[in-house]
C-alpha atoms as a PDB file:
ATOM      1  CA  MET A   1     -25.836 -94.752 -25.637  1.00  0.00           C
ATOM      2  CA  ASN A   2     -25.265 -91.972 -27.794  1.00  0.00           C
ATOM      3  CA  PRO A   3     -27.916 -89.844 -26.302  1.00  0.00           C
ATOM      4  CA  PRO A   4     -26.293 -89.501 -22.924  1.00  0.00           C
ATOM      5  CA  LEU A   5     -23.023 -88.433 -24.587  1.00  0.00           C
ATOM      6  CA  ALA A   6     -24.885 -85.801 -26.557  1.00  0.00           C
ATOM      7  CA  ASN A   7     -26.516 -84.580 -23.373  1.00  0.00           C
ATOM      8  CA  THR A   8     -23.120 -84.433 -21.718  1.00  0.00           C
ATOM      9  CA  LEU A   9     -21.664 -82.417 -24.606  1.00  0.00           C
ATOM     10  CA  THR A  10     -24.637 -80.109 -24.661  1.00  0.00           C
ATOM     11  CA  SER A  11     -24.506 -79.730 -20.916  1.00  0.00           C
ATOM     12  CA  ALA A  12     -20.746 -79.054 -21.006  1.00  0.00           C
ATOM     13  CA  SER A  13     -21.104 -76.474 -23.765  1.00  0.00           C
ATOM     14  CA  GLU A  14     -23.948 -74.829 -21.895  1.00  0.00           C
ATOM     15  CA  ASP A  15     -21.814 -74.764 -18.742  1.00  0.00           C
ATOM     16  CA  PHE A  16     -18.934 -73.356 -20.752  1.00  0.00           C
ATOM     17  CA  VAL A  17     -21.176 -70.643 -22.262  1.00  0.00           C
ATOM     18  CA  LEU A  18     -22.651 -69.931 -18.842  1.00  0.00           C
ATOM     19  CA  MET A  19     -19.162 -69.710 -17.326  1.00  0.00           C
ATOM     20  CA  GLY A  20     -18.011 -67.440 -20.157  1.00  0.00           C
ATOM     21  CA  PHE A  21     -21.070 -65.265 -19.660  1.00  0.00           C
ATOM     22  CA  SER A  22     -20.384 -65.148 -15.913  1.00  0.00           C
ATOM     23  CA  ILE A  23     -16.748 -64.161 -16.534  1.00  0.00           C
ATOM     24  CA  ILE A  24     -17.827 -61.491 -19.014  1.00  0.00           C
ATOM     25  CA  THR A  25     -20.389 -60.229 -16.500  1.00  0.00           C
ATOM     26  CA  ILE A  26     -17.762 -60.112 -13.723  1.00  0.00           C
ATOM     27  CA  VAL A  27     -15.282 -58.348 -16.041  1.00  0.00           C
ATOM     28  CA  PHE A  28     -18.020 -55.922 -17.061  1.00  0.00           C
ATOM     29  CA  LEU A  29     -18.878 -55.231 -13.413  1.00  0.00           C
ATOM     30  CA  VAL A  30     -15.194 -54.755 -12.549  1.00  0.00           C
ATOM     31  CA  LEU A  31     -14.826 -52.378 -15.497  1.00  0.00           C
ATOM     32  CA  LEU A  32     -17.994 -50.559 -14.456  1.00  0.00           C
ATOM     33  CA  LEU A  33     -16.628 -50.177 -10.907  1.00  0.00           C
ATOM     34  CA  ALA A  34     -13.294 -49.016 -12.315  1.00  0.00           C
ATOM     35  CA  VAL A  35     -15.058 -46.396 -14.486  1.00  0.00           C
ATOM     36  CA  PHE A  36     -17.086 -45.253 -11.465  1.00  0.00           C
ATOM     37  CA  TRP A  37     -13.936 -45.033  -9.326  1.00  0.00           C
ATOM     38  CA  LEU A  38     -12.030 -43.180 -12.089  1.00  0.00           C
ATOM     39  CA  ASN A  39     -14.944 -40.788 -12.597  1.00  0.00           C
ATOM     40  CA  ARG A  40     -14.996 -40.055  -8.867  1.00  0.00           C
ATOM     41  CA  SER A  41     -11.200 -39.588  -8.845  1.00  0.00           C
ATOM     42  CA  VAL A  42     -11.416 -37.189 -11.800  1.00  0.00           C
ATOM     43  CA  SER A  43     -14.103 -35.163 -10.006  1.00  0.00           C
ATOM     44  CA  GLN A  44     -11.963 -34.996  -6.875  1.00  0.00           C
ATOM     45  CA  LEU A  45      -8.913 -33.983  -8.920  1.00  0.00           C
ATOM     46  CA  LYS A  46     -10.961 -31.251 -10.631  1.00  0.00           C
ATOM     47  CA  ARG A  47     -12.010 -29.869  -7.225  1.00  0.00           C
ATOM     48  CA  GLU A  48      -8.427 -29.966  -5.960  1.00  0.00           C
ATOM     49  CA  CYS A  49      -7.223 -28.324  -9.162  1.00  0.00           C
ATOM     50  CA  ALA A  50      -9.814 -25.541  -8.733  1.00  0.00           C
ATOM     51  CA  GLN A  51      -8.688 -25.037  -5.118  1.00  0.00           C
ATOM     52  CA  LEU A  52      -5.062 -24.883  -6.200  1.00  0.00           C
ATOM     53  CA  ALA A  53      -5.977 -22.390  -8.926  1.00  0.00           C
ATOM     54  CA  GLU A  54      -7.653 -20.199  -6.295  1.00  0.00           C
ATOM     55  CA  ILE A  55      -4.571 -20.426  -4.072  1.00  0.00           C
ATOM     56  CA  VAL A  56      -2.295 -19.556  -6.994  1.00  0.00           C
ATOM     57  CA  GLU A  57      -4.524 -16.589  -7.892  1.00  0.00           C
ATOM     58  CA  SER A  58      -4.523 -15.420  -4.275  1.00  0.00           C
ATOM     59  CA  ASN A  59      -0.716 -15.731  -4.112  1.00  0.00           C
ATOM     60  CA  LYS A  60      -0.422 -13.863  -7.390  1.00  0.00           C
ATOM     61  CA  ASN A  61      -2.586 -11.025  -6.046  1.00  0.00           C
ATOM     62  CA  ASP A  62      -0.488 -10.968  -2.868  1.00  0.00           C
ATOM     63  CA  LEU A  63       2.679 -10.705  -4.947  1.00  0.00           C
ATOM     64  CA  TYR A  64       1.184  -7.874  -6.996  1.00  0.00           C
ATOM     65  CA  GLY A  65       0.313  -6.103  -3.747  1.00  0.00           C
ATOM     66  CA  LEU A  66       3.802  -6.611  -2.349  1.00  0.00           C
ATOM     67  CA  CYS A  67       5.387  -5.353  -5.556  1.00  0.00           C
ATOM     68  CA  SER A  68       3.118  -2.312  -5.534  1.00  0.00           C
ATOM     69  CA  ALA A  69       3.984  -1.642  -1.898  1.00  0.00           C
ATOM     70  CA  ALA A  70       7.692  -2.037  -2.668  1.00  0.00           C
ATOM     71  CA  ILE A  71       7.415   0.473  -5.497  1.00  0.00           C
ATOM     72  CA  THR A  72       5.582   2.898  -3.212  1.00  0.00           C
ATOM     73  CA  VAL A  73       8.244   2.463  -0.512  1.00  0.00           C
ATOM     74  CA  ASN A  74      10.962   2.992  -3.112  1.00  0.00           C
ATOM     75  CA  GLU A  75       9.290   6.182  -4.362  1.00  0.00           C
ATOM     76  CA  THR A  76       8.803   7.423  -0.795  1.00  0.00           C
ATOM     77  CA  THR A  77      12.434   6.647   0.007  1.00  0.00           C
ATOM     78  CA  ALA A  78      13.551   8.556  -3.085  1.00  0.00           C
ATOM     79  CA  LYS A  79      11.411  11.565  -2.113  1.00  0.00           C
ATOM     80  CA  THR A  80      12.738  11.416   1.451  1.00  0.00           C
ATOM     81  CA  HIS A  81      16.290  11.244   0.122  1.00  0.00           C
ATOM     82  CA  GLU A  82      15.649  14.319  -2.040  1.00  0.00           C
ATOM     83  CA  GLN A  83      14.126  16.184   0.916  1.00  0.00           C
ATOM     84  CA  LEU A  84      17.076  15.200   3.096  1.00  0.00           C
ATOM     85  CA  HIS A  85      19.468  16.470   0.437  1.00  0.00           C
ATOM     86  CA  GLU A  86      17.554  19.766   0.259  1.00  0.00           C
ATOM     87  CA  LEU A  87      17.607  20.051   4.060  1.00  0.00           C
ATOM     88  CA  LYS A  88      21.363  19.420   4.096  1.00  0.00           C
ATOM     89  CA  GLN A  89      21.807  22.217   1.566  1.00  0.00           C
ATOM     90  CA  GLN A  90      19.621  24.550   3.646  1.00  0.00           C
ATOM     91  CA  VAL A  91      21.534  23.680   6.818  1.00  0.00           C
ATOM     92  CA  SER A  92      24.814  24.265   5.003  1.00  0.00           C
ATOM     93  CA  HIS A  93      23.498  27.634   3.800  1.00  0.00           C
ATOM     94  CA  VAL A  94      22.403  28.546   7.351  1.00  0.00           C
ATOM     95  CA  VAL A  95      25.789  27.483   8.741  1.00  0.00           C
ATOM     96  CA  ASP A  96      27.502  29.665   6.144  1.00  0.00           C
ATOM     97  CA  LYS A  97      25.304  32.626   7.101  1.00  0.00           C
ATOM     98  CA  VAL A  98      25.900  32.059  10.839  1.00  0.00           C
ATOM     99  CA  THR A  99      29.646  31.898  10.208  1.00  0.00           C
ATOM    100  CA  GLU A 100      29.437  35.106   8.193  1.00  0.00           C
ATOM    101  CA  LEU A 101      27.384  36.776  10.935  1.00  0.00           C
ATOM    102  CA  GLU A 102      29.870  35.645  13.579  1.00  0.00           C
ATOM    103  CA  ARG A 103      32.669  37.186  11.551  1.00  0.00           C
ATOM    104  CA  THR A 104      30.647  40.361  11.122  1.00  0.00           C
ATOM    105  CA  ASP A 105      29.867  40.436  14.852  1.00  0.00           C
ATOM    106  CA  PHE A 106      33.552  39.978  15.615  1.00  0.00           C
ATOM    107  CA  VAL A 107      34.374  42.969  13.433  1.00  0.00           C
ATOM    108  CA  ASN A 108      31.472  44.923  14.863  1.00  0.00           C
ATOM    109  CA  SER A 109      32.439  43.993  18.424  1.00  0.00           C
ATOM    110  CA  ALA A 110      35.639  45.987  18.052  1.00  0.00           C
ATOM    111  CA  TYR A 111      33.549  48.948  16.939  1.00  0.00           C
ATOM    112  CA  ASN A 112      31.144  48.335  19.818  1.00  0.00           C
ATOM    113  CA  VAL A 113      33.977  48.975  22.250  1.00  0.00           C
ATOM    114  CA  ASP A 114      34.793  52.189  20.379  1.00  0.00           C
ATOM    115  CA  ILE A 115      31.105  53.224  20.374  1.00  0.00           C
ATOM    116  CA  ARG A 116      30.975  52.761  24.160  1.00  0.00           C
ATOM    117  CA  LYS A 117      34.086  54.894  24.483  1.00  0.00           C
ATOM    118  CA  ILE A 118      32.441  57.587  22.337  1.00  0.00           C
ATOM    119  CA  ARG A 119      29.305  57.535  24.502  1.00  0.00           C
ATOM    120  CA  ASP A 120      31.525  57.833  27.573  1.00  0.00           C
ATOM    121  CA  GLY A 121      33.019  61.016  26.081  1.00  0.00           C
ATOM    122  CA  ALA A 122      36.088  59.876  24.132  1.00  0.00           C
ATOM    123  CA  ASN A 123      37.207  62.155  21.274  1.00  0.00           C
ATOM    124  CA  ALA A 124      38.761  61.331  17.888  1.00  0.00           C
ATOM    125  CA  GLU A 125      42.334  61.523  19.197  1.00  0.00           C
ATOM    126  CA  ASP A 126      41.568  59.084  22.044  1.00  0.00           C
ATOM    127  CA  LEU A 127      40.049  56.617  19.574  1.00  0.00           C
ATOM    128  CA  MET A 128      42.998  56.960  17.223  1.00  0.00           C
ATOM    129  CA  LYS A 129      45.439  56.197  20.033  1.00  0.00           C
ATOM    130  CA  GLN A 130      43.528  53.419  21.814  1.00  0.00           C
ATOM    131  CA  SER A 131      41.917  51.586  18.861  1.00  0.00           C
ATOM    132  CA  GLU A 132      44.372  52.386  16.133  1.00  0.00           C
ATOM    133  CA  LEU A 133      41.697  53.970  13.962  1.00  0.00           C
ATOM    134  CA  SER A 134      42.372  56.541  11.282  1.00  0.00           C
ATOM    135  CA  TYR A 135      41.127  60.080  11.858  1.00  0.00           C
ATOM    136  CA  ASP A 136      38.353  59.588   9.300  1.00  0.00           C
ATOM    137  CA  GLU A 137      37.120  56.350  10.995  1.00  0.00           C
ATOM    138  CA  ALA A 138      37.166  57.971  14.412  1.00  0.00           C
ATOM    139  CA  ALA A 139      35.358  61.084  13.119  1.00  0.00           C
ATOM    140  CA  LEU A 140      32.713  58.961  11.404  1.00  0.00           C
ATOM    141  CA  LEU A 141      32.072  56.921  14.534  1.00  0.00           C
ATOM    142  CA  ILE A 142      31.777  60.105  16.605  1.00  0.00           C
ATOM    143  CA  ARG A 143      29.291  61.610  14.104  1.00  0.00           C
ATOM    144  CA  LEU A 144      27.206  58.412  14.064  1.00  0.00           C
ATOM    145  CA  HIS A 145      27.273  57.563  17.760  1.00  0.00           C
ATOM    146  CA  GLY A 146      28.337  60.698  19.562  1.00  0.00           C
ATOM    147  CA  LYS A 147      26.055  62.859  21.682  1.00  0.00           C
ATOM    148  CA  ALA A 148      24.309  65.482  19.620  1.00  0.00           C
END
């Protein structure tokens, strides 16, 4: 009777070894699948990381371009401001000259009336009475604008 018990023990230990081997094989296969899945995930993450790096580089180049454009606009604005300031000074200078010319024309307009009188035949005494000129002023105007 001993032999059947020995066969049973041998058979049980063989089943146990076979079951252990099967479990190890299943664990190994699961680990192998996990490694494959992780390897695939790492590859996908590397691709996504490369795409993100390209996007970041593109955004960085865009920012550099915008900054460069902003600097150019700032420089152009500064030049325009300087030109505007120069134009304001020129306009102010022209306004001053026009004002001066208007004053000169006003003074000359009084003499224009006297010159017309001289051309119409007025003498120094008439000018002195009508325009309140001194004799010397009246004589000078007659010499300059009188009929020769």
